[in-house]
Amino acid sequence: IGVARIPADLCGAAVMIGWAVLWGLGIGSA
């Protein structure tokens, strides 16, 4: 839709990497 791409990518990367760490680097590492 063409809005706020950089903040959305930053949040997406942080959540996905953070979720892997939160899962204890187990299956969340996927």
PDB file of all heavy atoms in Angstrom:
ATOM      1  N   ILE A   1       0.818  -1.214   0.000  1.00  0.00           N
ATOM      2  CA  ILE A   1       0.000   0.000   0.000  1.00  0.00           C
ATOM      3  C   ILE A   1       0.852   1.264   0.000  1.00  0.00           C
ATOM      4  O   ILE A   1       0.322   2.358  -0.156  1.00  0.00           O
ATOM      5  CB  ILE A   1      -1.015   0.029   1.163  1.00  0.00           C
ATOM      6  CG1 ILE A   1      -0.310   0.008   2.514  1.00  0.00           C
ATOM      7  CG2 ILE A   1      -1.996  -1.112   1.044  1.00  0.00           C
ATOM      8  CD1 ILE A   1      -1.259   0.160   3.680  1.00  0.00           C
ATOM      9  N   GLY A   2       2.169   1.121   0.171  1.00  0.00           N
ATOM     10  CA  GLY A   2       3.086   2.230   0.008  1.00  0.00           C
ATOM     11  C   GLY A   2       3.240   3.150   1.194  1.00  0.00           C
ATOM     12  O   GLY A   2       3.489   4.333   1.016  1.00  0.00           O
ATOM     13  N   VAL A   3       3.107   2.636   2.402  1.00  0.00           N
ATOM     14  CA  VAL A   3       3.268   3.493   3.585  1.00  0.00           C
ATOM     15  C   VAL A   3       4.283   2.886   4.538  1.00  0.00           C
ATOM     16  O   VAL A   3       4.354   1.682   4.702  1.00  0.00           O
ATOM     17  CB  VAL A   3       1.936   3.695   4.346  1.00  0.00           C
ATOM     18  CG1 VAL A   3       0.939   4.423   3.486  1.00  0.00           C
ATOM     19  CG2 VAL A   3       1.367   2.379   4.812  1.00  0.00           C
ATOM     20  N   ALA A   4       5.088   3.708   5.173  1.00  0.00           N
ATOM     21  CA  ALA A   4       5.971   3.369   6.295  1.00  0.00           C
ATOM     22  C   ALA A   4       6.699   2.046   6.124  1.00  0.00           C
ATOM     23  O   ALA A   4       6.664   1.191   6.993  1.00  0.00           O
ATOM     24  CB  ALA A   4       5.174   3.369   7.594  1.00  0.00           C
ATOM     25  N   ARG A   5       7.395   1.896   5.010  1.00  0.00           N
ATOM     26  CA  ARG A   5       8.057   0.621   4.757  1.00  0.00           C
ATOM     27  C   ARG A   5       9.229   0.375   5.695  1.00  0.00           C
ATOM     28  O   ARG A   5       9.389  -0.727   6.213  1.00  0.00           O
ATOM     29  CB  ARG A   5       8.524   0.564   3.301  1.00  0.00           C
ATOM     30  CG  ARG A   5       7.390   0.495   2.323  1.00  0.00           C
ATOM     31  CD  ARG A   5       7.923   0.345   0.930  1.00  0.00           C
ATOM     32  NE  ARG A   5       8.869   1.391   0.613  1.00  0.00           N
ATOM     33  CZ  ARG A   5       8.694   2.300  -0.332  1.00  0.00           C
ATOM     34  NH1 ARG A   5       7.613   2.287  -1.047  1.00  0.00           N
ATOM     35  NH2 ARG A   5       9.602   3.214  -0.565  1.00  0.00           N
ATOM     36  N   ILE A   6      10.068   1.368   5.916  1.00  0.00           N
ATOM     37  CA  ILE A   6      11.259   1.161   6.748  1.00  0.00           C
ATOM     38  C   ILE A   6      10.884   0.855   8.199  1.00  0.00           C
ATOM     39  O   ILE A   6      11.405  -0.104   8.769  1.00  0.00           O
ATOM     40  CB  ILE A   6      12.224   2.353   6.626  1.00  0.00           C
ATOM     41  CG1 ILE A   6      12.806   2.370   5.205  1.00  0.00           C
ATOM     42  CG2 ILE A   6      13.335   2.273   7.659  1.00  0.00           C
ATOM     43  CD1 ILE A   6      13.668   3.550   4.892  1.00  0.00           C
ATOM     44  N   PRO A   7       9.960   1.610   8.825  1.00  0.00           N
ATOM     45  CA  PRO A   7       9.575   1.226  10.193  1.00  0.00           C
ATOM     46  C   PRO A   7       8.939  -0.160  10.257  1.00  0.00           C
ATOM     47  O   PRO A   7       9.163  -0.907  11.204  1.00  0.00           O
ATOM     48  CB  PRO A   7       8.587   2.307  10.616  1.00  0.00           C
ATOM     49  CG  PRO A   7       8.896   3.475   9.750  1.00  0.00           C
ATOM     50  CD  PRO A   7       9.381   2.900   8.456  1.00  0.00           C
ATOM     51  N   ALA A   8       8.155  -0.515   9.251  1.00  0.00           N
ATOM     52  CA  ALA A   8       7.523  -1.839   9.236  1.00  0.00           C
ATOM     53  C   ALA A   8       8.568  -2.934   9.106  1.00  0.00           C
ATOM     54  O   ALA A   8       8.480  -3.966   9.784  1.00  0.00           O
ATOM     55  CB  ALA A   8       6.509  -1.921   8.104  1.00  0.00           C
ATOM     56  N   ASP A   9       9.571  -2.733   8.259  1.00  0.00           N
ATOM     57  CA  ASP A   9      10.639  -3.726   8.123  1.00  0.00           C
ATOM     58  C   ASP A   9      11.461  -3.828   9.394  1.00  0.00           C
ATOM     59  O   ASP A   9      11.834  -4.923   9.809  1.00  0.00           O
ATOM     60  CB  ASP A   9      11.562  -3.369   6.948  1.00  0.00           C
ATOM     61  CG  ASP A   9      10.933  -3.682   5.610  1.00  0.00           C
ATOM     62  OD1 ASP A   9      10.245  -4.708   5.508  1.00  0.00           O
ATOM     63  OD2 ASP A   9      11.145  -2.900   4.671  1.00  0.00           O
ATOM     64  N   LEU A  10      11.735  -2.700  10.027  1.00  0.00           N
ATOM     65  CA  LEU A  10      12.491  -2.702  11.268  1.00  0.00           C
ATOM     66  C   LEU A  10      11.742  -3.454  12.364  1.00  0.00           C
ATOM     67  O   LEU A  10      12.317  -4.304  13.054  1.00  0.00           O
ATOM     68  CB  LEU A  10      12.790  -1.266  11.714  1.00  0.00           C
ATOM     69  CG  LEU A  10      13.612  -1.109  12.982  1.00  0.00           C
ATOM     70  CD1 LEU A  10      14.985  -1.728  12.812  1.00  0.00           C
ATOM     71  CD2 LEU A  10      13.725   0.360  13.343  1.00  0.00           C
ATOM     72  N   CYS A  11      10.463  -3.177  12.496  1.00  0.00           N
ATOM     73  CA  CYS A  11       9.656  -3.882  13.506  1.00  0.00           C
ATOM     74  C   CYS A  11       9.542  -5.364  13.174  1.00  0.00           C
ATOM     75  O   CYS A  11       9.628  -6.208  14.062  1.00  0.00           O
ATOM     76  CB  CYS A  11       8.265  -3.256  13.602  1.00  0.00           C
ATOM     77  SG  CYS A  11       8.291  -1.631  14.351  1.00  0.00           S
ATOM     78  N   GLY A  12       9.353  -5.687  11.898  1.00  0.00           N
ATOM     79  CA  GLY A  12       9.254  -7.085  11.495  1.00  0.00           C
ATOM     80  C   GLY A  12      10.525  -7.855  11.805  1.00  0.00           C
ATOM     81  O   GLY A  12      10.478  -8.969  12.331  1.00  0.00           O
ATOM     82  N   ALA A  13      11.682  -7.263  11.505  1.00  0.00           N
ATOM     83  CA  ALA A  13      12.957  -7.927  11.804  1.00  0.00           C
ATOM     84  C   ALA A  13      13.148  -8.091  13.301  1.00  0.00           C
ATOM     85  O   ALA A  13      13.555  -9.159  13.765  1.00  0.00           O
ATOM     86  CB  ALA A  13      14.116  -7.128  11.202  1.00  0.00           C
ATOM     87  N   ALA A  14      12.836  -7.049  14.053  1.00  0.00           N
ATOM     88  CA  ALA A  14      13.016  -7.119  15.508  1.00  0.00           C
ATOM     89  C   ALA A  14      12.111  -8.168  16.133  1.00  0.00           C
ATOM     90  O   ALA A  14      12.535  -8.928  17.007  1.00  0.00           O
ATOM     91  CB  ALA A  14      12.744  -5.747  16.134  1.00  0.00           C
ATOM     92  N   VAL A  15      10.863  -8.230  15.680  1.00  0.00           N
ATOM     93  CA  VAL A  15       9.929  -9.210  16.243  1.00  0.00           C
ATOM     94  C   VAL A  15      10.355 -10.628  15.882  1.00  0.00           C
ATOM     95  O   VAL A  15      10.344 -11.523  16.729  1.00  0.00           O
ATOM     96  CB  VAL A  15       8.491  -8.920  15.779  1.00  0.00           C
ATOM     97  CG1 VAL A  15       7.563 -10.083  16.095  1.00  0.00           C
ATOM     98  CG2 VAL A  15       7.973  -7.647  16.427  1.00  0.00           C
ATOM     99  N   MET A  16      10.750 -10.849  14.635  1.00  0.00           N
ATOM    100  CA  MET A  16      11.106 -12.209  14.225  1.00  0.00           C
ATOM    101  C   MET A  16      12.382 -12.699  14.916  1.00  0.00           C
ATOM    102  O   MET A  16      12.438 -13.834  15.390  1.00  0.00           O
ATOM    103  CB  MET A  16      11.227 -12.277  12.711  1.00  0.00           C
ATOM    104  CG  MET A  16       9.869 -12.081  12.055  1.00  0.00           C
ATOM    105  SD  MET A  16       9.965 -12.038  10.291  1.00  0.00           S
ATOM    106  CE  MET A  16       9.886 -13.776   9.973  1.00  0.00           C
ATOM    107  N   ILE A  17      13.397 -11.856  14.998  1.00  0.00           N
ATOM    108  CA  ILE A  17      14.625 -12.247  15.696  1.00  0.00           C
ATOM    109  C   ILE A  17      14.349 -12.354  17.195  1.00  0.00           C
ATOM    110  O   ILE A  17      14.800 -13.290  17.859  1.00  0.00           O
ATOM    111  CB  ILE A  17      15.760 -11.250  15.404  1.00  0.00           C
ATOM    112  CG1 ILE A  17      16.097 -11.204  13.913  1.00  0.00           C
ATOM    113  CG2 ILE A  17      16.991 -11.573  16.246  1.00  0.00           C
ATOM    114  CD1 ILE A  17      16.689 -12.456  13.343  1.00  0.00           C
ATOM    115  N   GLY A  18      13.596 -11.409  17.732  1.00  0.00           N
ATOM    116  CA  GLY A  18      13.253 -11.451  19.155  1.00  0.00           C
ATOM    117  C   GLY A  18      12.425 -12.664  19.518  1.00  0.00           C
ATOM    118  O   GLY A  18      12.590 -13.246  20.593  1.00  0.00           O
ATOM    119  N   TRP A  19      11.529 -13.063  18.637  1.00  0.00           N
ATOM    120  CA  TRP A  19      10.700 -14.240  18.882  1.00  0.00           C
ATOM    121  C   TRP A  19      11.564 -15.493  18.932  1.00  0.00           C
ATOM    122  O   TRP A  19      11.323 -16.398  19.737  1.00  0.00           O
ATOM    123  CB  TRP A  19       9.624 -14.348  17.811  1.00  0.00           C
ATOM    124  CG  TRP A  19       8.408 -15.077  18.244  1.00  0.00           C
ATOM    125  CD1 TRP A  19       7.936 -16.256  17.734  1.00  0.00           C
ATOM    126  CD2 TRP A  19       7.471 -14.693  19.257  1.00  0.00           C
ATOM    127  NE1 TRP A  19       6.785 -16.616  18.361  1.00  0.00           N
ATOM    128  CE2 TRP A  19       6.475 -15.668  19.310  1.00  0.00           C
ATOM    129  CE3 TRP A  19       7.394 -13.626  20.127  1.00  0.00           C
ATOM    130  CZ2 TRP A  19       5.413 -15.614  20.186  1.00  0.00           C
ATOM    131  CZ3 TRP A  19       6.324 -13.560  21.001  1.00  0.00           C
ATOM    132  CH2 TRP A  19       5.356 -14.551  21.023  1.00  0.00           C
ATOM    133  N   ALA A  20      12.583 -15.558  18.083  1.00  0.00           N
ATOM    134  CA  ALA A  20      13.502 -16.705  18.112  1.00  0.00           C
ATOM    135  C   ALA A  20      14.263 -16.743  19.438  1.00  0.00           C
ATOM    136  O   ALA A  20      14.443 -17.807  20.022  1.00  0.00           O
ATOM    137  CB  ALA A  20      14.483 -16.628  16.944  1.00  0.00           C
ATOM    138  N   VAL A  21      14.670 -15.584  19.934  1.00  0.00           N
ATOM    139  CA  VAL A  21      15.373 -15.523  21.214  1.00  0.00           C
ATOM    140  C   VAL A  21      14.417 -15.855  22.358  1.00  0.00           C
ATOM    141  O   VAL A  21      14.766 -16.575  23.290  1.00  0.00           O
ATOM    142  CB  VAL A  21      16.025 -14.134  21.407  1.00  0.00           C
ATOM    143  CG1 VAL A  21      16.578 -13.979  22.813  1.00  0.00           C
ATOM    144  CG2 VAL A  21      17.119 -13.926  20.375  1.00  0.00           C
ATOM    145  N   LEU A  22      13.189 -15.346  22.279  1.00  0.00           N
ATOM    146  CA  LEU A  22      12.204 -15.600  23.320  1.00  0.00           C
ATOM    147  C   LEU A  22      11.881 -17.087  23.432  1.00  0.00           C
ATOM    148  O   LEU A  22      11.660 -17.600  24.523  1.00  0.00           O
ATOM    149  CB  LEU A  22      10.921 -14.798  23.040  1.00  0.00           C
ATOM    150  CG  LEU A  22       9.827 -14.875  24.091  1.00  0.00           C
ATOM    151  CD1 LEU A  22      10.297 -14.209  25.370  1.00  0.00           C
ATOM    152  CD2 LEU A  22       8.578 -14.192  23.585  1.00  0.00           C
ATOM    153  N   TRP A  23      11.854 -17.771  22.309  1.00  0.00           N
ATOM    154  CA  TRP A  23      11.604 -19.212  22.318  1.00  0.00           C
ATOM    155  C   TRP A  23      12.835 -19.983  22.774  1.00  0.00           C
ATOM    156  O   TRP A  23      12.888 -21.197  22.652  1.00  0.00           O
ATOM    157  CB  TRP A  23      11.193 -19.680  20.936  1.00  0.00           C
ATOM    158  CG  TRP A  23       9.756 -19.518  20.638  1.00  0.00           C
ATOM    159  CD1 TRP A  23       8.907 -18.577  21.129  1.00  0.00           C
ATOM    160  CD2 TRP A  23       8.990 -20.317  19.762  1.00  0.00           C
ATOM    161  NE1 TRP A  23       7.673 -18.736  20.588  1.00  0.00           N
ATOM    162  CE2 TRP A  23       7.687 -19.799  19.752  1.00  0.00           C
ATOM    163  CE3 TRP A  23       9.273 -21.409  18.965  1.00  0.00           C
ATOM    164  CZ2 TRP A  23       6.669 -20.348  18.987  1.00  0.00           C
ATOM    165  CZ3 TRP A  23       8.264 -21.949  18.194  1.00  0.00           C
ATOM    166  CH2 TRP A  23       6.969 -21.425  18.221  1.00  0.00           C
ATOM    167  N   GLY A  24      13.841 -19.302  23.247  1.00  0.00           N
ATOM    168  CA  GLY A  24      15.038 -19.970  23.756  1.00  0.00           C
ATOM    169  C   GLY A  24      15.916 -20.530  22.667  1.00  0.00           C
ATOM    170  O   GLY A  24      16.648 -21.487  22.899  1.00  0.00           O
ATOM    171  N   LEU A  25      15.856 -19.961  21.501  1.00  0.00           N
ATOM    172  CA  LEU A  25      16.654 -20.390  20.357  1.00  0.00           C
ATOM    173  C   LEU A  25      16.407 -21.852  19.999  1.00  0.00           C
ATOM    174  O   LEU A  25      17.241 -22.495  19.382  1.00  0.00           O
ATOM    175  CB  LEU A  25      18.136 -20.126  20.594  1.00  0.00           C
ATOM    176  CG  LEU A  25      18.497 -18.657  20.824  1.00  0.00           C
ATOM    177  CD1 LEU A  25      19.970 -18.538  21.167  1.00  0.00           C
ATOM    178  CD2 LEU A  25      18.162 -17.822  19.623  1.00  0.00           C
ATOM    179  N   GLY A  26      15.258 -22.366  20.360  1.00  0.00           N
ATOM    180  CA  GLY A  26      14.878 -23.731  20.001  1.00  0.00           C
ATOM    181  C   GLY A  26      14.223 -23.733  18.632  1.00  0.00           C
ATOM    182  O   GLY A  26      14.814 -23.284  17.657  1.00  0.00           O
ATOM    183  N   ILE A  27      12.977 -24.177  18.581  1.00  0.00           N
ATOM    184  CA  ILE A  27      12.308 -24.234  17.279  1.00  0.00           C
ATOM    185  C   ILE A  27      11.977 -22.850  16.752  1.00  0.00           C
ATOM    186  O   ILE A  27      11.723 -22.684  15.566  1.00  0.00           O
ATOM    187  CB  ILE A  27      11.034 -25.110  17.339  1.00  0.00           C
ATOM    188  CG1 ILE A  27      10.011 -24.540  18.309  1.00  0.00           C
ATOM    189  CG2 ILE A  27      11.375 -26.546  17.677  1.00  0.00           C
ATOM    190  CD1 ILE A  27       8.679 -25.253  18.259  1.00  0.00           C
ATOM    191  N   GLY A  28      12.017 -21.853  17.605  1.00  0.00           N
ATOM    192  CA  GLY A  28      11.811 -20.479  17.146  1.00  0.00           C
ATOM    193  C   GLY A  28      12.914 -20.000  16.226  1.00  0.00           C
ATOM    194  O   GLY A  28      12.758 -19.006  15.521  1.00  0.00           O
ATOM    195  N   SER A  29      14.023 -20.701  16.223  1.00  0.00           N
ATOM    196  CA  SER A  29      15.123 -20.341  15.326  1.00  0.00           C
ATOM    197  C   SER A  29      14.733 -20.484  13.865  1.00  0.00           C
ATOM    198  O   SER A  29      15.404 -19.936  12.998  1.00  0.00           O
ATOM    199  CB  SER A  29      16.338 -21.212  15.616  1.00  0.00           C
ATOM    200  OG  SER A  29      16.808 -20.948  16.915  1.00  0.00           O
ATOM    201  N   ALA A  30      13.677 -21.203  13.608  1.00  0.00           N
ATOM    202  CA  ALA A  30      13.211 -21.346  12.233  1.00  0.00           C
ATOM    203  C   ALA A  30      12.745 -20.012  11.659  1.00  0.00           C
ATOM    204  O   ALA A  30      12.638 -19.864  10.439  1.00  0.00           O
ATOM    205  CB  ALA A  30      12.069 -22.358  12.169  1.00  0.00           C
TER     206      ALA A  30
END
